[in-house]
């Protein structure tokens, strides 16, 4: 089954605001967990989010009340984003990039290929 673009999991990397925005589509695609882990594979140029348990110290707890009013879950980390910039030479400071991914069936994981990132928005 091929997912429509609007239903595919997505995340955005905002280098201006030091923000990683995980869209609701991505959270839904892995089963609406209470917590997630953000994973990076620099050798393959891939990012992933994985369903997790809140007891894991590497997990980020999702706050569903806040998600009910917005379209995404946000992580703020200048250090992580600067390290991620090393994955793609085309990524520039003060820009935002969106990556649509694929869900791994029955694994609770959404995978995003850095090479498929698209620049969004305009520089203000």
PDB file of N, CA and C in Angstrom:
ATOM      1  N   UNK A   1       0.838  -1.174   0.000  1.00  0.00           N
ATOM      2  CA  UNK A   1       0.000   0.000   0.000  1.00  0.00           C
ATOM      3  C   UNK A   1       0.886   1.241   0.000  1.00  0.00           C
ATOM      4  N   UNK A   2       0.634   2.167  -0.899  1.00  0.00           N
ATOM      5  CA  UNK A   2       1.392   3.413  -0.973  1.00  0.00           C
ATOM      6  C   UNK A   2       0.613   4.495  -0.257  1.00  0.00           C
ATOM      7  N   UNK A   3       1.286   5.199   0.650  1.00  0.00           N
ATOM      8  CA  UNK A   3       0.640   6.276   1.394  1.00  0.00           C
ATOM      9  C   UNK A   3       0.580   7.538   0.554  1.00  0.00           C
ATOM     10  N   UNK A   4      -0.502   8.294   0.662  1.00  0.00           N
ATOM     11  CA  UNK A   4      -0.596   9.593   0.027  1.00  0.00           C
ATOM     12  C   UNK A   4       0.378  10.537   0.722  1.00  0.00           C
ATOM     13  N   UNK A   5       0.830  11.576   0.011  1.00  0.00           N
ATOM     14  CA  UNK A   5       1.813  12.505   0.566  1.00  0.00           C
ATOM     15  C   UNK A   5       1.360  13.095   1.895  1.00  0.00           C
ATOM     16  N   UNK A   6       0.086  13.465   2.008  1.00  0.00           N
ATOM     17  CA  UNK A   6      -0.406  14.093   3.231  1.00  0.00           C
ATOM     18  C   UNK A   6      -0.385  13.127   4.407  1.00  0.00           C
ATOM     19  N   UNK A   7      -0.421  11.824   4.144  1.00  0.00           N
ATOM     20  CA  UNK A   7      -0.460  10.837   5.214  1.00  0.00           C
ATOM     21  C   UNK A   7       0.923  10.320   5.595  1.00  0.00           C
ATOM     22  N   UNK A   8       1.916  10.565   4.771  1.00  0.00           N
ATOM     23  CA  UNK A   8       3.263  10.079   5.066  1.00  0.00           C
ATOM     24  C   UNK A   8       3.819  10.800   6.287  1.00  0.00           C
ATOM     25  N   UNK A   9       4.576  10.093   7.102  1.00  0.00           N
ATOM     26  CA  UNK A   9       5.193  10.750   8.251  1.00  0.00           C
ATOM     27  C   UNK A   9       6.134  11.852   7.775  1.00  0.00           C
ATOM     28  N   UNK A  10       6.190  12.939   8.545  1.00  0.00           N
ATOM     29  CA  UNK A  10       7.045  14.062   8.163  1.00  0.00           C
ATOM     30  C   UNK A  10       7.681  14.679   9.398  1.00  0.00           C
ATOM     31  N   UNK A  11       8.851  15.252   9.178  1.00  0.00           N
ATOM     32  CA  UNK A  11       9.491  16.059  10.215  1.00  0.00           C
ATOM     33  C   UNK A  11      10.179  17.233   9.537  1.00  0.00           C
ATOM     34  N   UNK A  12      10.403  18.274  10.325  1.00  0.00           N
ATOM     35  CA  UNK A  12      11.065  19.474   9.823  1.00  0.00           C
ATOM     36  C   UNK A  12      12.247  19.807  10.714  1.00  0.00           C
ATOM     37  N   UNK A  13      13.313  20.259  10.076  1.00  0.00           N
ATOM     38  CA  UNK A  13      14.513  20.699  10.782  1.00  0.00           C
ATOM     39  C   UNK A  13      14.640  22.197  10.543  1.00  0.00           C
ATOM     40  N   UNK A  14      14.487  22.964  11.599  1.00  0.00           N
ATOM     41  CA  UNK A  14      14.512  24.426  11.515  1.00  0.00           C
ATOM     42  C   UNK A  14      15.817  24.907  12.131  1.00  0.00           C
ATOM     43  N   UNK A  15      16.788  25.228  11.284  1.00  0.00           N
ATOM     44  CA  UNK A  15      18.115  25.617  11.765  1.00  0.00           C
ATOM     45  C   UNK A  15      18.141  27.036  12.318  1.00  0.00           C
ATOM     46  N   UNK A  16      17.175  27.860  11.958  1.00  0.00           N
ATOM     47  CA  UNK A  16      17.119  29.220  12.485  1.00  0.00           C
ATOM     48  C   UNK A  16      16.653  29.220  13.936  1.00  0.00           C
ATOM     49  N   UNK A  17      15.651  28.411  14.233  1.00  0.00           N
ATOM     50  CA  UNK A  17      15.076  28.375  15.583  1.00  0.00           C
ATOM     51  C   UNK A  17      15.572  27.191  16.416  1.00  0.00           C
ATOM     52  N   UNK A  18      16.537  26.451  15.864  1.00  0.00           N
ATOM     53  CA  UNK A  18      17.096  25.284  16.564  1.00  0.00           C
ATOM     54  C   UNK A  18      16.005  24.320  17.005  1.00  0.00           C
ATOM     55  N   UNK A  19      15.139  23.981  16.054  1.00  0.00           N
ATOM     56  CA  UNK A  19      13.949  23.199  16.378  1.00  0.00           C
ATOM     57  C   UNK A  19      13.804  22.018  15.427  1.00  0.00           C
ATOM     58  N   UNK A  20      13.474  20.869  16.004  1.00  0.00           N
ATOM     59  CA  UNK A  20      13.078  19.701  15.232  1.00  0.00           C
ATOM     60  C   UNK A  20      11.588  19.541  15.474  1.00  0.00           C
ATOM     61  N   UNK A  21      10.825  19.595  14.415  1.00  0.00           N
ATOM     62  CA  UNK A  21       9.370  19.505  14.521  1.00  0.00           C
ATOM     63  C   UNK A  21       8.941  18.154  13.955  1.00  0.00           C
ATOM     64  N   UNK A  22       8.380  17.319  14.812  1.00  0.00           N
ATOM     65  CA  UNK A  22       7.888  16.007  14.390  1.00  0.00           C
ATOM     66  C   UNK A  22       6.385  16.140  14.186  1.00  0.00           C
ATOM     67  N   UNK A  23       5.958  16.033  12.953  1.00  0.00           N
ATOM     68  CA  UNK A  23       4.559  16.250  12.605  1.00  0.00           C
ATOM     69  C   UNK A  23       3.672  15.134  13.148  1.00  0.00           C
ATOM     70  N   UNK A  24       2.409  15.478  13.395  1.00  0.00           N
ATOM     71  CA  UNK A  24       1.462  14.501  13.913  1.00  0.00           C
ATOM     72  C   UNK A  24       1.371  13.272  13.022  1.00  0.00           C
ATOM     73  N   UNK A  25       1.528  13.469  11.720  1.00  0.00           N
ATOM     74  CA  UNK A  25       1.464  12.321  10.798  1.00  0.00           C
ATOM     75  C   UNK A  25       2.512  11.275  11.157  1.00  0.00           C
ATOM     76  N   UNK A  26       3.685  11.719  11.579  1.00  0.00           N
ATOM     77  CA  UNK A  26       4.748  10.794  11.964  1.00  0.00           C
ATOM     78  C   UNK A  26       4.407  10.102  13.281  1.00  0.00           C
ATOM     79  N   UNK A  27       3.864  10.854  14.213  1.00  0.00           N
ATOM     80  CA  UNK A  27       3.504  10.281  15.513  1.00  0.00           C
ATOM     81  C   UNK A  27       2.381   9.258  15.349  1.00  0.00           C
ATOM     82  N   UNK A  28       1.396   9.604  14.535  1.00  0.00           N
ATOM     83  CA  UNK A  28       0.302   8.657  14.270  1.00  0.00           C
ATOM     84  C   UNK A  28       0.805   7.397  13.572  1.00  0.00           C
ATOM     85  N   UNK A  29       1.748   7.572  12.663  1.00  0.00           N
ATOM     86  CA  UNK A  29       2.230   6.431  11.871  1.00  0.00           C
ATOM     87  C   UNK A  29       2.924   5.371  12.722  1.00  0.00           C
ATOM     88  N   UNK A  30       3.399   5.755  13.908  1.00  0.00           N
ATOM     89  CA  UNK A  30       4.064   4.777  14.782  1.00  0.00           C
ATOM     90  C   UNK A  30       3.177   4.377  15.955  1.00  0.00           C
ATOM     91  N   UNK A  31       1.888   4.703  15.871  1.00  0.00           N
ATOM     92  CA  UNK A  31       0.931   4.188  16.852  1.00  0.00           C
ATOM     93  C   UNK A  31       0.597   5.103  18.006  1.00  0.00           C
ATOM     94  N   UNK A  32       0.771   6.416  17.851  1.00  0.00           N
ATOM     95  CA  UNK A  32       0.426   7.382  18.903  1.00  0.00           C
ATOM     96  C   UNK A  32       1.012   7.026  20.273  1.00  0.00           C
ATOM     97  N   UNK A  33       2.323   6.860  20.346  1.00  0.00           N
ATOM     98  CA  UNK A  33       2.936   6.481  21.627  1.00  0.00           C
ATOM     99  C   UNK A  33       2.937   7.635  22.619  1.00  0.00           C
ATOM    100  N   UNK A  34       3.195   7.305  23.888  1.00  0.00           N
ATOM    101  CA  UNK A  34       3.344   8.335  24.913  1.00  0.00           C
ATOM    102  C   UNK A  34       4.746   8.931  24.910  1.00  0.00           C
ATOM    103  N   UNK A  35       5.716   8.174  24.360  1.00  0.00           N
ATOM    104  CA  UNK A  35       7.102   8.630  24.306  1.00  0.00           C
ATOM    105  C   UNK A  35       7.735   8.167  23.006  1.00  0.00           C
ATOM    106  N   UNK A  36       8.739   8.938  22.561  1.00  0.00           N
ATOM    107  CA  UNK A  36       9.471   8.580  21.345  1.00  0.00           C
ATOM    108  C   UNK A  36      10.959   8.758  21.569  1.00  0.00           C
ATOM    109  N   UNK A  37      11.745   8.104  20.715  1.00  0.00           N
ATOM    110  CA  UNK A  37      13.186   8.313  20.661  1.00  0.00           C
ATOM    111  C   UNK A  37      13.519   8.848  19.283  1.00  0.00           C
ATOM    112  N   UNK A  38      14.475   9.741  19.215  1.00  0.00           N
ATOM    113  CA  UNK A  38      14.967  10.294  17.969  1.00  0.00           C
ATOM    114  C   UNK A  38      16.281   9.600  17.673  1.00  0.00           C
ATOM    115  N   UNK A  39      16.390   8.955  16.515  1.00  0.00           N
ATOM    116  CA  UNK A  39      17.566   8.168  16.168  1.00  0.00           C
ATOM    117  C   UNK A  39      18.250   8.741  14.927  1.00  0.00           C
ATOM    118  N   UNK A  40      19.575   8.615  14.869  1.00  0.00           N
ATOM    119  CA  UNK A  40      20.350   9.120  13.748  1.00  0.00           C
ATOM    120  C   UNK A  40      21.327   8.040  13.294  1.00  0.00           C
ATOM    121  N   UNK A  41      21.368   7.806  11.973  1.00  0.00           N
ATOM    122  CA  UNK A  41      22.356   6.906  11.400  1.00  0.00           C
ATOM    123  C   UNK A  41      23.162   7.713  10.376  1.00  0.00           C
ATOM    124  N   UNK A  42      24.305   8.282  10.794  1.00  0.00           N
ATOM    125  CA  UNK A  42      25.073   9.144   9.890  1.00  0.00           C
ATOM    126  C   UNK A  42      25.652   8.390   8.691  1.00  0.00           C
ATOM    127  N   UNK A  43      26.002   7.116   8.848  1.00  0.00           N
ATOM    128  CA  UNK A  43      26.572   6.350   7.741  1.00  0.00           C
ATOM    129  C   UNK A  43      25.576   6.180   6.592  1.00  0.00           C
ATOM    130  N   UNK A  44      24.304   6.011   6.914  1.00  0.00           N
ATOM    131  CA  UNK A  44      23.281   5.824   5.890  1.00  0.00           C
ATOM    132  C   UNK A  44      22.515   7.110   5.574  1.00  0.00           C
ATOM    133  N   UNK A  45      22.833   8.195   6.287  1.00  0.00           N
ATOM    134  CA  UNK A  45      22.141   9.465   6.062  1.00  0.00           C
ATOM    135  C   UNK A  45      20.659   9.355   6.383  1.00  0.00           C
ATOM    136  N   UNK A  46      20.359   8.752   7.530  1.00  0.00           N
ATOM    137  CA  UNK A  46      18.965   8.528   7.900  1.00  0.00           C
ATOM    138  C   UNK A  46      18.671   9.025   9.307  1.00  0.00           C
ATOM    139  N   UNK A  47      17.458   9.507   9.477  1.00  0.00           N
ATOM    140  CA  UNK A  47      16.906   9.868  10.777  1.00  0.00           C
ATOM    141  C   UNK A  47      15.706   8.968  11.003  1.00  0.00           C
ATOM    142  N   UNK A  48      15.352   8.762  12.256  1.00  0.00           N
ATOM    143  CA  UNK A  48      14.174   7.949  12.555  1.00  0.00           C
ATOM    144  C   UNK A  48      13.566   8.405  13.876  1.00  0.00           C
ATOM    145  N   UNK A  49      12.281   8.158  13.999  1.00  0.00           N
ATOM    146  CA  UNK A  49      11.635   8.276  15.305  1.00  0.00           C
ATOM    147  C   UNK A  49      11.075   6.898  15.619  1.00  0.00           C
ATOM    148  N   UNK A  50      11.184   6.525  16.873  1.00  0.00           N
ATOM    149  CA  UNK A  50      10.775   5.192  17.290  1.00  0.00           C
ATOM    150  C   UNK A  50       9.886   5.292  18.525  1.00  0.00           C
ATOM    151  N   UNK A  51       8.842   4.511  18.509  1.00  0.00           N
ATOM    152  CA  UNK A  51       7.969   4.406  19.673  1.00  0.00           C
ATOM    153  C   UNK A  51       8.821   3.948  20.854  1.00  0.00           C
ATOM    154  N   UNK A  52       8.570   4.540  22.023  1.00  0.00           N
ATOM    155  CA  UNK A  52       9.394   4.224  23.184  1.00  0.00           C
ATOM    156  C   UNK A  52       8.549   4.202  24.448  1.00  0.00           C
ATOM    157  N   UNK A  53       9.206   3.881  25.531  1.00  0.00           N
ATOM    158  CA  UNK A  53       8.588   3.851  26.844  1.00  0.00           C
ATOM    159  C   UNK A  53       9.121   5.036  27.644  1.00  0.00           C
ATOM    160  N   UNK A  54       8.262   5.703  28.382  1.00  0.00           N
ATOM    161  CA  UNK A  54       8.705   6.900  29.118  1.00  0.00           C
ATOM    162  C   UNK A  54       9.762   6.606  30.184  1.00  0.00           C
ATOM    163  N   UNK A  55       9.930   5.352  30.537  1.00  0.00           N
ATOM    164  CA  UNK A  55      10.955   5.019  31.531  1.00  0.00           C
ATOM    165  C   UNK A  55      12.364   5.034  30.932  1.00  0.00           C
ATOM    166  N   UNK A  56      12.480   5.024  29.603  1.00  0.00           N
ATOM    167  CA  UNK A  56      13.778   5.080  28.939  1.00  0.00           C
ATOM    168  C   UNK A  56      14.311   6.509  29.040  1.00  0.00           C
ATOM    169  N   UNK A  57      15.507   6.677  29.543  1.00  0.00           N
ATOM    170  CA  UNK A  57      16.087   8.004  29.736  1.00  0.00           C
ATOM    171  C   UNK A  57      16.353   8.735  28.425  1.00  0.00           C
ATOM    172  N   UNK A  58      16.411   8.009  27.305  1.00  0.00           N
ATOM    173  CA  UNK A  58      16.636   8.628  26.001  1.00  0.00           C
ATOM    174  C   UNK A  58      15.332   9.054  25.329  1.00  0.00           C
ATOM    175  N   UNK A  59      14.220   8.724  25.948  1.00  0.00           N
ATOM    176  CA  UNK A  59      12.911   8.993  25.348  1.00  0.00           C
ATOM    177  C   UNK A  59      12.435  10.416  25.642  1.00  0.00           C
ATOM    178  N   UNK A  60      11.630  10.923  24.723  1.00  0.00           N
ATOM    179  CA  UNK A  60      10.974  12.223  24.886  1.00  0.00           C
ATOM    180  C   UNK A  60       9.484  11.949  25.069  1.00  0.00           C
ATOM    181  N   UNK A  61       8.963  12.403  26.183  1.00  0.00           N
ATOM    182  CA  UNK A  61       7.549  12.178  26.479  1.00  0.00           C
ATOM    183  C   UNK A  61       6.700  13.150  25.664  1.00  0.00           C
ATOM    184  N   UNK A  62       5.675  12.628  25.032  1.00  0.00           N
ATOM    185  CA  UNK A  62       4.744  13.449  24.256  1.00  0.00           C
ATOM    186  C   UNK A  62       3.643  13.952  25.171  1.00  0.00           C
ATOM    187  N   UNK A  63       3.274  15.198  25.010  1.00  0.00           N
ATOM    188  CA  UNK A  63       2.216  15.802  25.817  1.00  0.00           C
ATOM    189  C   UNK A  63       0.990  15.967  24.919  1.00  0.00           C
ATOM    190  N   UNK A  64       0.058  15.041  25.036  1.00  0.00           N
ATOM    191  CA  UNK A  64      -1.070  14.980  24.116  1.00  0.00           C
ATOM    192  C   UNK A  64      -2.010  16.170  24.242  1.00  0.00           C
ATOM    193  N   UNK A  65      -2.086  16.781  25.395  1.00  0.00           N
ATOM    194  CA  UNK A  65      -2.925  17.987  25.510  1.00  0.00           C
ATOM    195  C   UNK A  65      -2.388  19.103  24.629  1.00  0.00           C
ATOM    196  N   UNK A  66      -1.069  19.262  24.607  1.00  0.00           N
ATOM    197  CA  UNK A  66      -0.458  20.280  23.752  1.00  0.00           C
ATOM    198  C   UNK A  66      -0.585  19.895  22.280  1.00  0.00           C
ATOM    199  N   UNK A  67      -0.428  18.609  21.977  1.00  0.00           N
ATOM    200  CA  UNK A  67      -0.541  18.158  20.595  1.00  0.00           C
ATOM    201  C   UNK A  67      -1.957  18.335  20.046  1.00  0.00           C
ATOM    202  N   UNK A  68      -2.943  18.320  20.916  1.00  0.00           N
ATOM    203  CA  UNK A  68      -4.323  18.485  20.471  1.00  0.00           C
ATOM    204  C   UNK A  68      -4.538  19.859  19.838  1.00  0.00           C
ATOM    205  N   UNK A  69      -3.742  20.844  20.234  1.00  0.00           N
ATOM    206  CA  UNK A  69      -3.898  22.207  19.731  1.00  0.00           C
ATOM    207  C   UNK A  69      -2.929  22.543  18.605  1.00  0.00           C
ATOM    208  N   UNK A  70      -1.951  21.705  18.362  1.00  0.00           N
ATOM    209  CA  UNK A  70      -0.959  21.980  17.326  1.00  0.00           C
ATOM    210  C   UNK A  70      -0.852  20.830  16.357  1.00  0.00           C
ATOM    211  N   UNK A  71       0.030  20.980  15.406  1.00  0.00           N
ATOM    212  CA  UNK A  71       0.211  19.961  14.383  1.00  0.00           C
ATOM    213  C   UNK A  71       1.512  19.186  14.529  1.00  0.00           C
ATOM    214  N   UNK A  72       2.257  19.455  15.623  1.00  0.00           N
ATOM    215  CA  UNK A  72       3.545  18.789  15.745  1.00  0.00           C
ATOM    216  C   UNK A  72       4.040  18.769  17.185  1.00  0.00           C
ATOM    217  N   UNK A  73       5.061  17.937  17.393  1.00  0.00           N
ATOM    218  CA  UNK A  73       5.803  17.875  18.646  1.00  0.00           C
ATOM    219  C   UNK A  73       7.163  18.498  18.348  1.00  0.00           C
ATOM    220  N   UNK A  74       7.641  19.357  19.217  1.00  0.00           N
ATOM    221  CA  UNK A  74       8.888  20.072  18.960  1.00  0.00           C
ATOM    222  C   UNK A  74       9.976  19.714  19.964  1.00  0.00           C
ATOM    223  N   UNK A  75      11.171  19.524  19.425  1.00  0.00           N
ATOM    224  CA  UNK A  75      12.382  19.357  20.228  1.00  0.00           C
ATOM    225  C   UNK A  75      13.288  20.540  19.902  1.00  0.00           C
ATOM    226  N   UNK A  76      13.890  21.131  20.913  1.00  0.00           N
ATOM    227  CA  UNK A  76      14.807  22.250  20.695  1.00  0.00           C
ATOM    228  C   UNK A  76      16.196  21.826  21.142  1.00  0.00           C
ATOM    229  N   UNK A  77      17.142  21.824  20.191  1.00  0.00           N
ATOM    230  CA  UNK A  77      18.519  21.466  20.519  1.00  0.00           C
ATOM    231  C   UNK A  77      19.468  22.008  19.459  1.00  0.00           C
ATOM    232  N   UNK A  78      20.150  23.085  19.787  1.00  0.00           N
ATOM    233  CA  UNK A  78      21.114  23.672  18.859  1.00  0.00           C
ATOM    234  C   UNK A  78      22.248  22.685  18.588  1.00  0.00           C
ATOM    235  N   UNK A  79      22.690  22.033  19.616  1.00  0.00           N
ATOM    236  CA  UNK A  79      23.805  21.086  19.485  1.00  0.00           C
ATOM    237  C   UNK A  79      23.456  19.939  18.538  1.00  0.00           C
ATOM    238  N   UNK A  80      22.276  19.356  18.711  1.00  0.00           N
ATOM    239  CA  UNK A  80      21.863  18.246  17.851  1.00  0.00           C
ATOM    240  C   UNK A  80      21.718  18.712  16.401  1.00  0.00           C
ATOM    241  N   UNK A  81      21.097  19.856  16.196  1.00  0.00           N
ATOM    242  CA  UNK A  81      20.908  20.339  14.828  1.00  0.00           C
ATOM    243  C   UNK A  81      22.239  20.643  14.143  1.00  0.00           C
ATOM    244  N   UNK A  82      23.197  21.178  14.868  1.00  0.00           N
ATOM    245  CA  UNK A  82      24.507  21.443  14.264  1.00  0.00           C
ATOM    246  C   UNK A  82      25.183  20.135  13.864  1.00  0.00           C
ATOM    247  N   UNK A  83      25.010  19.114  14.665  1.00  0.00           N
ATOM    248  CA  UNK A  83      25.578  17.802  14.319  1.00  0.00           C
ATOM    249  C   UNK A  83      24.847  17.202  13.117  1.00  0.00           C
ATOM    250  N   UNK A  84      23.530  17.401  13.064  1.00  0.00           N
ATOM    251  CA  UNK A  84      22.753  16.892  11.933  1.00  0.00           C
ATOM    252  C   UNK A  84      23.140  17.587  10.635  1.00  0.00           C
ATOM    253  N   UNK A  85      23.544  18.853  10.721  1.00  0.00           N
ATOM    254  CA  UNK A  85      23.952  19.581   9.518  1.00  0.00           C
ATOM    255  C   UNK A  85      25.107  18.886   8.804  1.00  0.00           C
ATOM    256  N   UNK A  86      25.884  18.130   9.542  1.00  0.00           N
ATOM    257  CA  UNK A  86      26.977  17.374   8.935  1.00  0.00           C
ATOM    258  C   UNK A  86      26.505  16.239   8.043  1.00  0.00           C
ATOM    259  N   UNK A  87      25.229  15.868   8.133  1.00  0.00           N
ATOM    260  CA  UNK A  87      24.684  14.793   7.306  1.00  0.00           C
ATOM    261  C   UNK A  87      24.388  15.237   5.878  1.00  0.00           C
ATOM    262  N   UNK A  88      24.190  16.533   5.682  1.00  0.00           N
ATOM    263  CA  UNK A  88      23.786  17.030   4.371  1.00  0.00           C
ATOM    264  C   UNK A  88      24.481  18.365   4.100  1.00  0.00           C
ATOM    265  N   UNK A  89      25.412  18.365   3.166  1.00  0.00           N
ATOM    266  CA  UNK A  89      26.176  19.570   2.854  1.00  0.00           C
ATOM    267  C   UNK A  89      25.292  20.697   2.330  1.00  0.00           C
ATOM    268  N   UNK A  90      24.124  20.374   1.797  1.00  0.00           N
ATOM    269  CA  UNK A  90      23.235  21.394   1.220  1.00  0.00           C
ATOM    270  C   UNK A  90      22.446  22.159   2.285  1.00  0.00           C
ATOM    271  N   UNK A  91      22.350  21.633   3.495  1.00  0.00           N
ATOM    272  CA  UNK A  91      21.578  22.310   4.534  1.00  0.00           C
ATOM    273  C   UNK A  91      22.303  23.579   4.966  1.00  0.00           C
ATOM    274  N   UNK A  92      21.561  24.684   5.004  1.00  0.00           N
ATOM    275  CA  UNK A  92      22.117  25.982   5.340  1.00  0.00           C
ATOM    276  C   UNK A  92      21.542  26.501   6.658  1.00  0.00           C
ATOM    277  N   UNK A  93      22.333  27.350   7.331  1.00  0.00           N
ATOM    278  CA  UNK A  93      21.832  28.037   8.527  1.00  0.00           C
ATOM    279  C   UNK A  93      20.627  28.890   8.128  1.00  0.00           C
ATOM    280  N   UNK A  94      19.781  29.179   9.082  1.00  0.00           N
ATOM    281  CA  UNK A  94      18.616  30.046   8.891  1.00  0.00           C
ATOM    282  C   UNK A  94      17.613  29.514   7.874  1.00  0.00           C
ATOM    283  N   UNK A  95      17.616  28.232   7.626  1.00  0.00           N
ATOM    284  CA  UNK A  95      16.663  27.610   6.704  1.00  0.00           C
ATOM    285  C   UNK A  95      15.945  26.473   7.414  1.00  0.00           C
ATOM    286  N   UNK A  96      14.811  26.102   6.833  1.00  0.00           N
ATOM    287  CA  UNK A  96      14.033  24.972   7.345  1.00  0.00           C
ATOM    288  C   UNK A  96      13.923  23.941   6.243  1.00  0.00           C
ATOM    289  N   UNK A  97      14.046  22.677   6.618  1.00  0.00           N
ATOM    290  CA  UNK A  97      13.967  21.573   5.666  1.00  0.00           C
ATOM    291  C   UNK A  97      12.936  20.555   6.163  1.00  0.00           C
ATOM    292  N   UNK A  98      12.109  20.079   5.242  1.00  0.00           N
ATOM    293  CA  UNK A  98      11.106  19.060   5.569  1.00  0.00           C
ATOM    294  C   UNK A  98      11.524  17.755   4.907  1.00  0.00           C
ATOM    295  N   UNK A  99      11.324  16.680   5.655  1.00  0.00           N
ATOM    296  CA  UNK A  99      11.620  15.353   5.127  1.00  0.00           C
ATOM    297  C   UNK A  99      10.380  14.488   5.338  1.00  0.00           C
ATOM    298  N   UNK A 100       9.896  13.900   4.273  1.00  0.00           N
ATOM    299  CA  UNK A 100       8.804  12.930   4.368  1.00  0.00           C
ATOM    300  C   UNK A 100       9.442  11.549   4.431  1.00  0.00           C
ATOM    301  N   UNK A 101       8.871  10.705   5.274  1.00  0.00           N
ATOM    302  CA  UNK A 101       9.480   9.403   5.489  1.00  0.00           C
ATOM    303  C   UNK A 101       8.553   8.252   5.183  1.00  0.00           C
ATOM    304  N   UNK A 102       8.950   7.110   5.664  1.00  0.00           N
ATOM    305  CA  UNK A 102       8.199   5.865   5.516  1.00  0.00           C
ATOM    306  C   UNK A 102       8.098   5.199   6.880  1.00  0.00           C
ATOM    307  N   UNK A 103       6.987   4.555   7.112  1.00  0.00           N
ATOM    308  CA  UNK A 103       6.801   3.808   8.353  1.00  0.00           C
ATOM    309  C   UNK A 103       7.212   2.366   8.130  1.00  0.00           C
ATOM    310  N   UNK A 104       7.942   1.805   9.081  1.00  0.00           N
ATOM    311  CA  UNK A 104       8.301   0.393   9.028  1.00  0.00           C
ATOM    312  C   UNK A 104       7.142  -0.371   9.674  1.00  0.00           C
ATOM    313  N   UNK A 105       6.405  -1.155   8.876  1.00  0.00           N
ATOM    314  CA  UNK A 105       5.219  -1.845   9.402  1.00  0.00           C
ATOM    315  C   UNK A 105       5.523  -2.685  10.637  1.00  0.00           C
ATOM    316  N   UNK A 106       4.644  -2.594  11.615  1.00  0.00           N
ATOM    317  CA  UNK A 106       4.693  -3.391  12.847  1.00  0.00           C
ATOM    318  C   UNK A 106       5.952  -3.187  13.688  1.00  0.00           C
ATOM    319  N   UNK A 107       6.727  -2.138  13.434  1.00  0.00           N
ATOM    320  CA  UNK A 107       7.948  -1.901  14.209  1.00  0.00           C
ATOM    321  C   UNK A 107       7.878  -0.637  15.054  1.00  0.00           C
ATOM    322  N   UNK A 108       6.896   0.212  14.819  1.00  0.00           N
ATOM    323  CA  UNK A 108       6.805   1.454  15.575  1.00  0.00           C
ATOM    324  C   UNK A 108       7.928   2.421  15.262  1.00  0.00           C
ATOM    325  N   UNK A 109       8.363   2.434  13.986  1.00  0.00           N
ATOM    326  CA  UNK A 109       9.468   3.283  13.567  1.00  0.00           C
ATOM    327  C   UNK A 109       9.093   4.001  12.265  1.00  0.00           C
ATOM    328  N   UNK A 110       9.418   5.277  12.195  1.00  0.00           N
ATOM    329  CA  UNK A 110       9.310   6.042  10.949  1.00  0.00           C
ATOM    330  C   UNK A 110      10.716   6.469  10.563  1.00  0.00           C
ATOM    331  N   UNK A 111      11.082   6.221   9.311  1.00  0.00           N
ATOM    332  CA  UNK A 111      12.441   6.454   8.823  1.00  0.00           C
ATOM    333  C   UNK A 111      12.430   7.581   7.794  1.00  0.00           C
ATOM    334  N   UNK A 112      13.440   8.451   7.879  1.00  0.00           N
ATOM    335  CA  UNK A 112      13.544   9.627   7.015  1.00  0.00           C
ATOM    336  C   UNK A 112      14.931   9.659   6.382  1.00  0.00           C
ATOM    337  N   UNK A 113      14.987   9.768   5.060  1.00  0.00           N
ATOM    338  CA  UNK A 113      16.258   9.837   4.338  1.00  0.00           C
ATOM    339  C   UNK A 113      16.644  11.307   4.136  1.00  0.00           C
ATOM    340  N   UNK A 114      17.811  11.672   4.621  1.00  0.00           N
ATOM    341  CA  UNK A 114      18.299  13.047   4.556  1.00  0.00           C
ATOM    342  C   UNK A 114      18.334  13.542   3.104  1.00  0.00           C
ATOM    343  N   UNK A 115      18.689  12.685   2.179  1.00  0.00           N
ATOM    344  CA  UNK A 115      18.795  13.065   0.770  1.00  0.00           C
ATOM    345  C   UNK A 115      17.450  13.497   0.185  1.00  0.00           C
ATOM    346  N   UNK A 116      16.345  13.159   0.840  1.00  0.00           N
ATOM    347  CA  UNK A 116      15.014  13.505   0.348  1.00  0.00           C
ATOM    348  C   UNK A 116      14.474  14.788   0.986  1.00  0.00           C
ATOM    349  N   UNK A 117      15.317  15.520   1.704  1.00  0.00           N
ATOM    350  CA  UNK A 117      14.866  16.756   2.350  1.00  0.00           C
ATOM    351  C   UNK A 117      14.593  17.832   1.309  1.00  0.00           C
ATOM    352  N   UNK A 118      13.616  18.689   1.625  1.00  0.00           N
ATOM    353  CA  UNK A 118      13.222  19.781   0.744  1.00  0.00           C
ATOM    354  C   UNK A 118      13.213  21.071   1.565  1.00  0.00           C
ATOM    355  N   UNK A 119      13.821  22.112   1.026  1.00  0.00           N
ATOM    356  CA  UNK A 119      13.821  23.403   1.723  1.00  0.00           C
ATOM    357  C   UNK A 119      12.420  23.993   1.649  1.00  0.00           C
ATOM    358  N   UNK A 120      11.965  24.548   2.780  1.00  0.00           N
ATOM    359  CA  UNK A 120      10.632  25.172   2.837  1.00  0.00           C
ATOM    360  C   UNK A 120      10.750  26.593   3.344  1.00  0.00           C
ATOM    361  N   UNK A 121       9.724  27.393   3.059  1.00  0.00           N
ATOM    362  CA  UNK A 121       9.676  28.752   3.569  1.00  0.00           C
ATOM    363  C   UNK A 121      10.679  29.659   2.895  1.00  0.00           C
ATOM    364  N   UNK A 122      10.660  30.904   3.354  1.00  0.00           N
ATOM    365  CA  UNK A 122      11.581  31.901   2.820  1.00  0.00           C
ATOM    366  C   UNK A 122      12.379  32.506   3.955  1.00  0.00           C
ATOM    367  N   UNK A 123      13.513  33.026   3.612  1.00  0.00           N
ATOM    368  CA  UNK A 123      14.383  33.673   4.593  1.00  0.00           C
ATOM    369  C   UNK A 123      13.814  35.047   4.903  1.00  0.00           C
ATOM    370  N   UNK A 124      13.633  35.339   6.182  1.00  0.00           N
ATOM    371  CA  UNK A 124      13.057  36.636   6.589  1.00  0.00           C
ATOM    372  C   UNK A 124      14.111  37.550   7.115  1.00  0.00           C
TER     373      UNK A 124
END
